[in-house]
Amino acid sequence: MRVRELTLTALAFAFAILWVGGLASYLVLKGPPAASRWAAPAFLALSGIIVLVSAQAADRMALLGWGILGWSVELLGVHTGIPFGRYHYTGVLFPLVAGVPVAMGCAWIVLLAYVQQMMIGWTLPGWARPLLGAIWMTAIDLVMEPLAVGQLGYWRWSEGGSYYGVPLSNFTGWFLVSLALFLLYRRPMVANVWERWIGASVILFFTILALGSSLVLPAMMGVILFALHAGFSLSAARHPPAEAGRSR
């Protein structure tokens, strides 16, 4: 095996351990032990590293740019309330720089890469791909956000909101930021099974937590998203897209 393949295999093994351990800690123990505070930021960091290591060079630069821009928007949001609303990070996702976890850059990378991967091979007008991507990103946030501010305690909203304590301005901001990031990089990425399945595993992680926590709407949305993932992946396996090139 090549060095990169060995590296990705080792990283994926570590990620899988954190994935299973994270679910067990919240579903069985009702929270991670104090000694495992490092696990949450490590989980997000590993997901981002796997995506970056597996990506083609040209795609990797776009992903890094997305991560930096996504993190910068979080920085703006924490200090001004624009574009999501007023919120602050709790310190669970340490380390923080200027009040924003470094791992949030990885979160943006993973989700944006995943949505791009799922749209590979789709024949869409130029304006439709960024729009659909932003809608997809917002649907993912509808799954993740209630858990992030609830059981996981990653951040807190200053004034709460109507969707499990989350203000609707968050989803408007999430849609607009995602749309802008997709507009900045419109070229379809090279097909990459790592990016597809790391993104899907993160969505599945939050979906299972939502089911275990009786969060009906996030759980339903998560099930729908994962069903779409399975359907599109099966279709792509049967009819590989010409534009994607060889899947790595």
Protein backbone atom coordinates (compact mmCIF):
# COMPACT_ATOMS: atom_id res chain seq x y z
CA MET A 1 0.00 0.00 0.00
CA ARG A 2 1.11 3.54 -0.65
CA VAL A 3 2.02 5.86 2.20
CA ARG A 4 -1.13 7.95 1.77
CA GLU A 5 -3.35 4.87 1.81
CA LEU A 6 -1.69 3.61 4.98
CA THR A 7 -2.07 7.05 6.56
CA LEU A 8 -5.75 7.24 5.63
CA THR A 9 -6.38 3.74 6.96
CA ALA A 10 -4.79 4.63 10.30
CA LEU A 11 -6.69 7.92 10.52
CA ALA A 12 -9.97 6.19 9.63
CA PHE A 13 -9.40 3.58 12.35
CA ALA A 14 -8.85 6.30 14.95
CA PHE A 15 -11.91 8.17 13.66
CA ALA A 16 -14.06 5.03 13.93
CA ILE A 17 -13.01 4.53 17.54
CA LEU A 18 -13.97 8.11 18.39
CA TRP A 19 -17.25 7.73 16.45
CA VAL A 20 -18.31 4.64 18.39
CA GLY A 21 -16.98 5.98 21.68
CA GLY A 22 -18.80 9.26 21.25
CA LEU A 23 -22.13 7.57 20.63
CA ALA A 24 -21.64 5.23 23.57
CA SER A 25 -20.71 8.06 25.94
CA TYR A 26 -23.85 10.07 25.16
CA LEU A 27 -26.35 7.26 24.68
CA VAL A 28 -25.16 4.99 27.51
CA LEU A 29 -23.25 7.19 29.94
CA LYS A 30 -25.29 10.36 29.20
CA GLY A 31 -22.11 12.32 28.67
CA PRO A 32 -18.37 11.83 28.13
CA PRO A 33 -16.13 11.22 31.16
CA ALA A 34 -14.12 14.24 32.30
CA ALA A 35 -10.89 12.58 31.18
CA SER A 36 -12.11 12.39 27.57
CA ARG A 37 -12.75 16.10 26.95
CA TRP A 38 -10.21 15.92 24.13
CA ALA A 39 -12.35 13.47 22.15
CA ALA A 40 -14.88 15.96 20.71
CA PRO A 41 -12.33 18.33 19.11
CA ALA A 42 -10.23 15.34 18.04
CA PHE A 43 -13.26 13.85 16.29
CA LEU A 44 -13.84 16.99 14.21
CA ALA A 45 -10.13 17.49 13.57
CA LEU A 46 -9.68 13.91 12.36
CA SER A 47 -12.65 14.19 10.01
CA GLY A 48 -11.15 17.32 8.44
CA ILE A 49 -7.66 15.81 8.20
CA ILE A 50 -8.99 12.69 6.46
CA VAL A 51 -10.83 14.82 3.90
CA LEU A 52 -7.76 16.96 3.23
CA VAL A 53 -5.31 14.05 3.01
CA SER A 54 -7.57 12.15 0.61
CA ALA A 55 -8.33 15.12 -1.66
CA GLN A 56 -6.71 15.86 -4.99
CA ALA A 57 -4.23 18.75 -4.84
CA ALA A 58 -6.48 21.27 -6.63
CA ASP A 59 -9.47 20.28 -4.49
CA ARG A 60 -7.37 20.44 -1.33
CA MET A 61 -6.61 24.12 -1.89
CA ALA A 62 -10.32 24.87 -2.34
CA LEU A 63 -11.16 22.91 0.81
CA LEU A 64 -8.53 24.78 2.83
CA GLY A 65 -9.94 28.06 1.53
CA TRP A 66 -13.44 26.99 2.54
CA GLY A 67 -12.20 26.04 6.00
CA ILE A 68 -10.47 29.38 6.53
CA LEU A 69 -13.46 31.36 5.24
CA GLY A 70 -15.92 29.29 7.29
CA TRP A 71 -13.85 29.80 10.43
CA SER A 72 -13.60 33.54 9.67
CA VAL A 73 -17.39 33.80 9.39
CA GLU A 74 -17.66 32.09 12.80
CA LEU A 75 -15.25 34.69 14.15
CA LEU A 76 -17.44 37.46 12.75
CA GLY A 77 -20.54 35.79 14.18
CA VAL A 78 -19.16 35.38 17.69
CA HIS A 79 -18.10 39.02 17.94
CA THR A 80 -20.92 40.75 16.04
CA GLY A 81 -23.89 38.38 15.84
CA ILE A 82 -23.73 38.58 12.03
CA PRO A 83 -24.83 36.51 10.11
CA PHE A 84 -26.16 33.81 12.48
CA GLY A 85 -27.29 35.68 15.57
CA ARG A 86 -25.70 36.13 18.99
CA TYR A 87 -23.92 33.06 20.33
CA HIS A 88 -20.71 32.01 22.05
CA TYR A 89 -18.60 28.86 22.22
CA THR A 90 -18.38 27.05 25.55
CA GLY A 91 -14.84 25.71 25.36
CA VAL A 92 -15.87 22.09 24.74
CA LEU A 93 -14.26 22.28 21.29
CA PHE A 94 -10.87 23.52 22.46
CA PRO A 95 -8.51 25.08 21.56
CA LEU A 96 -10.20 28.39 20.83
CA VAL A 97 -8.60 31.28 18.94
CA ALA A 98 -10.31 34.63 19.52
CA GLY A 99 -13.31 32.76 20.90
CA VAL A 100 -13.72 30.32 17.99
CA PRO A 101 -12.61 26.65 18.05
CA VAL A 102 -9.96 25.74 15.49
CA ALA A 103 -11.99 22.58 14.83
CA MET A 104 -14.84 24.62 13.32
CA GLY A 105 -12.73 25.11 10.21
CA CYS A 106 -12.61 21.32 9.90
CA ALA A 107 -16.39 21.10 10.30
CA TRP A 108 -16.93 23.48 7.37
CA ILE A 109 -14.43 21.54 5.24
CA VAL A 110 -16.09 18.17 5.89
CA LEU A 111 -19.67 19.27 5.23
CA LEU A 112 -18.93 21.39 2.16
CA ALA A 113 -16.80 18.61 0.65
CA TYR A 114 -19.52 16.07 1.37
CA VAL A 115 -22.25 18.07 -0.34
CA GLN A 116 -20.00 18.72 -3.34
CA GLN A 117 -19.30 15.01 -3.60
CA MET A 118 -22.99 14.12 -3.52
CA MET A 119 -23.68 16.46 -6.44
CA ILE A 120 -20.97 15.00 -8.67
CA GLY A 121 -22.35 13.93 -12.00
CA TRP A 122 -25.60 15.89 -11.72
CA THR A 123 -26.50 17.87 -14.82
CA LEU A 124 -27.49 21.24 -13.39
CA PRO A 125 -27.60 24.85 -14.62
CA GLY A 126 -24.70 26.94 -13.39
CA TRP A 127 -26.81 28.74 -10.78
CA ALA A 128 -28.52 25.60 -9.50
CA ARG A 129 -25.53 23.75 -8.04
CA PRO A 130 -24.62 26.44 -5.44
CA LEU A 131 -28.30 26.92 -4.58
CA LEU A 132 -28.93 23.21 -4.10
CA GLY A 133 -25.70 22.88 -2.15
CA ALA A 134 -26.74 25.67 0.23
CA ILE A 135 -30.16 24.06 0.77
CA TRP A 136 -28.47 20.73 1.49
CA MET A 137 -26.08 22.35 3.97
CA THR A 138 -29.02 23.99 5.75
CA ALA A 139 -30.83 20.64 5.98
CA ILE A 140 -27.72 19.15 7.61
CA ASP A 141 -27.62 22.00 10.11
CA LEU A 142 -31.26 21.32 11.04
CA VAL A 143 -30.02 17.92 12.23
CA MET A 144 -26.85 19.03 13.98
CA GLU A 145 -27.74 22.35 15.60
CA PRO A 146 -30.17 21.17 18.34
CA LEU A 147 -27.62 18.60 19.54
CA ALA A 148 -24.69 21.00 19.34
CA VAL A 149 -26.43 23.47 21.66
CA GLY A 150 -28.09 20.78 23.77
CA GLN A 151 -26.51 17.48 24.74
CA LEU A 152 -23.10 18.23 23.23
CA GLY A 153 -22.88 21.76 24.60
CA TYR A 154 -20.58 23.08 21.88
CA TRP A 155 -22.04 26.60 21.92
CA ARG A 156 -24.89 28.63 23.42
CA TRP A 157 -27.35 31.09 21.87
CA SER A 158 -27.76 34.32 23.78
CA GLU A 159 -31.53 34.61 23.33
CA GLY A 160 -32.62 31.10 22.32
CA GLY A 161 -35.02 30.47 19.49
CA SER A 162 -38.06 28.63 18.20
CA TYR A 163 -36.27 25.53 16.84
CA TYR A 164 -35.09 23.59 19.90
CA GLY A 165 -33.68 26.80 21.31
CA VAL A 166 -32.02 27.85 18.06
CA PRO A 167 -33.01 31.14 16.36
CA LEU A 168 -34.20 30.96 12.77
CA SER A 169 -31.58 33.60 11.91
CA ASN A 170 -28.97 30.85 12.32
CA PHE A 171 -30.39 28.86 9.43
CA THR A 172 -30.77 31.93 7.25
CA GLY A 173 -27.14 32.80 7.90
CA TRP A 174 -26.02 29.20 7.35
CA PHE A 175 -27.81 29.14 3.98
CA LEU A 176 -26.33 32.46 2.84
CA VAL A 177 -22.78 31.61 3.93
CA SER A 178 -22.95 28.18 2.30
CA LEU A 179 -24.31 29.72 -0.90
CA ALA A 180 -21.46 32.24 -0.98
CA LEU A 181 -18.84 29.54 -0.42
CA PHE A 182 -20.26 27.33 -3.16
CA LEU A 183 -20.37 30.31 -5.52
CA LEU A 184 -16.69 30.95 -4.87
CA TYR A 185 -15.76 27.45 -6.04
CA ARG A 186 -18.14 26.07 -8.66
CA ARG A 187 -15.94 23.46 -10.30
CA PRO A 188 -17.11 19.91 -9.45
CA MET A 189 -14.54 18.05 -7.41
CA VAL A 190 -12.92 14.73 -8.27
CA ALA A 191 -14.94 11.79 -6.92
CA ASN A 192 -13.59 10.79 -3.53
CA VAL A 193 -15.08 7.98 -1.48
CA TRP A 194 -13.38 9.23 1.70
CA GLU A 195 -15.08 12.62 1.48
CA ARG A 196 -18.46 11.01 0.87
CA TRP A 197 -18.32 8.56 3.75
CA ILE A 198 -16.69 10.85 6.32
CA GLY A 199 -19.43 13.40 5.70
CA ALA A 200 -22.11 10.72 5.84
CA SER A 201 -20.69 9.31 9.08
CA VAL A 202 -20.89 12.73 10.75
CA ILE A 203 -24.53 13.11 9.69
CA LEU A 204 -25.28 9.57 10.88
CA PHE A 205 -23.60 10.31 14.22
CA PHE A 206 -25.90 13.27 14.86
CA THR A 207 -28.94 11.40 13.54
CA ILE A 208 -28.42 8.51 15.97
CA LEU A 209 -27.95 10.98 18.85
CA ALA A 210 -31.15 12.77 17.82
CA LEU A 211 -33.05 9.46 17.79
CA GLY A 212 -31.63 8.53 21.19
CA SER A 213 -32.53 11.95 22.57
CA SER A 214 -36.11 11.90 21.17
CA LEU A 215 -35.50 14.98 19.03
CA VAL A 216 -38.16 14.16 16.49
CA LEU A 217 -37.61 16.75 13.76
CA PRO A 218 -33.78 16.52 13.68
CA ALA A 219 -34.01 12.73 13.73
CA MET A 220 -36.50 12.68 10.84
CA MET A 221 -34.36 15.08 8.81
CA GLY A 222 -31.27 12.98 9.50
CA VAL A 223 -32.99 9.78 8.38
CA ILE A 224 -34.12 11.50 5.17
CA LEU A 225 -30.62 12.81 4.47
CA PHE A 226 -29.01 9.44 5.06
CA ALA A 227 -31.61 7.73 2.89
CA LEU A 228 -30.82 10.22 0.11
CA HIS A 229 -27.12 9.50 0.60
CA ALA A 230 -27.71 5.76 0.25
CA GLY A 231 -29.89 6.21 -2.83
CA PHE A 232 -27.51 8.57 -4.61
CA SER A 233 -24.48 6.43 -3.72
CA LEU A 234 -26.16 3.32 -5.13
CA SER A 235 -27.08 5.16 -8.31
CA ALA A 236 -23.54 6.52 -8.70
CA ALA A 237 -22.09 3.02 -8.23
CA ARG A 238 -24.26 1.71 -11.03
CA HIS A 239 -23.67 4.67 -13.33
CA PRO A 240 -20.28 6.29 -12.58
CA PRO A 241 -20.29 9.96 -13.66
CA ALA A 242 -18.00 10.74 -16.55
CA GLU A 243 -16.93 14.10 -15.07
CA ALA A 244 -15.77 12.55 -11.81
CA GLY A 245 -12.90 10.57 -13.19
CA ARG A 246 -11.52 7.71 -11.18
CA SER A 247 -12.81 7.44 -7.62
CA ARG A 248 -9.96 7.44 -5.16
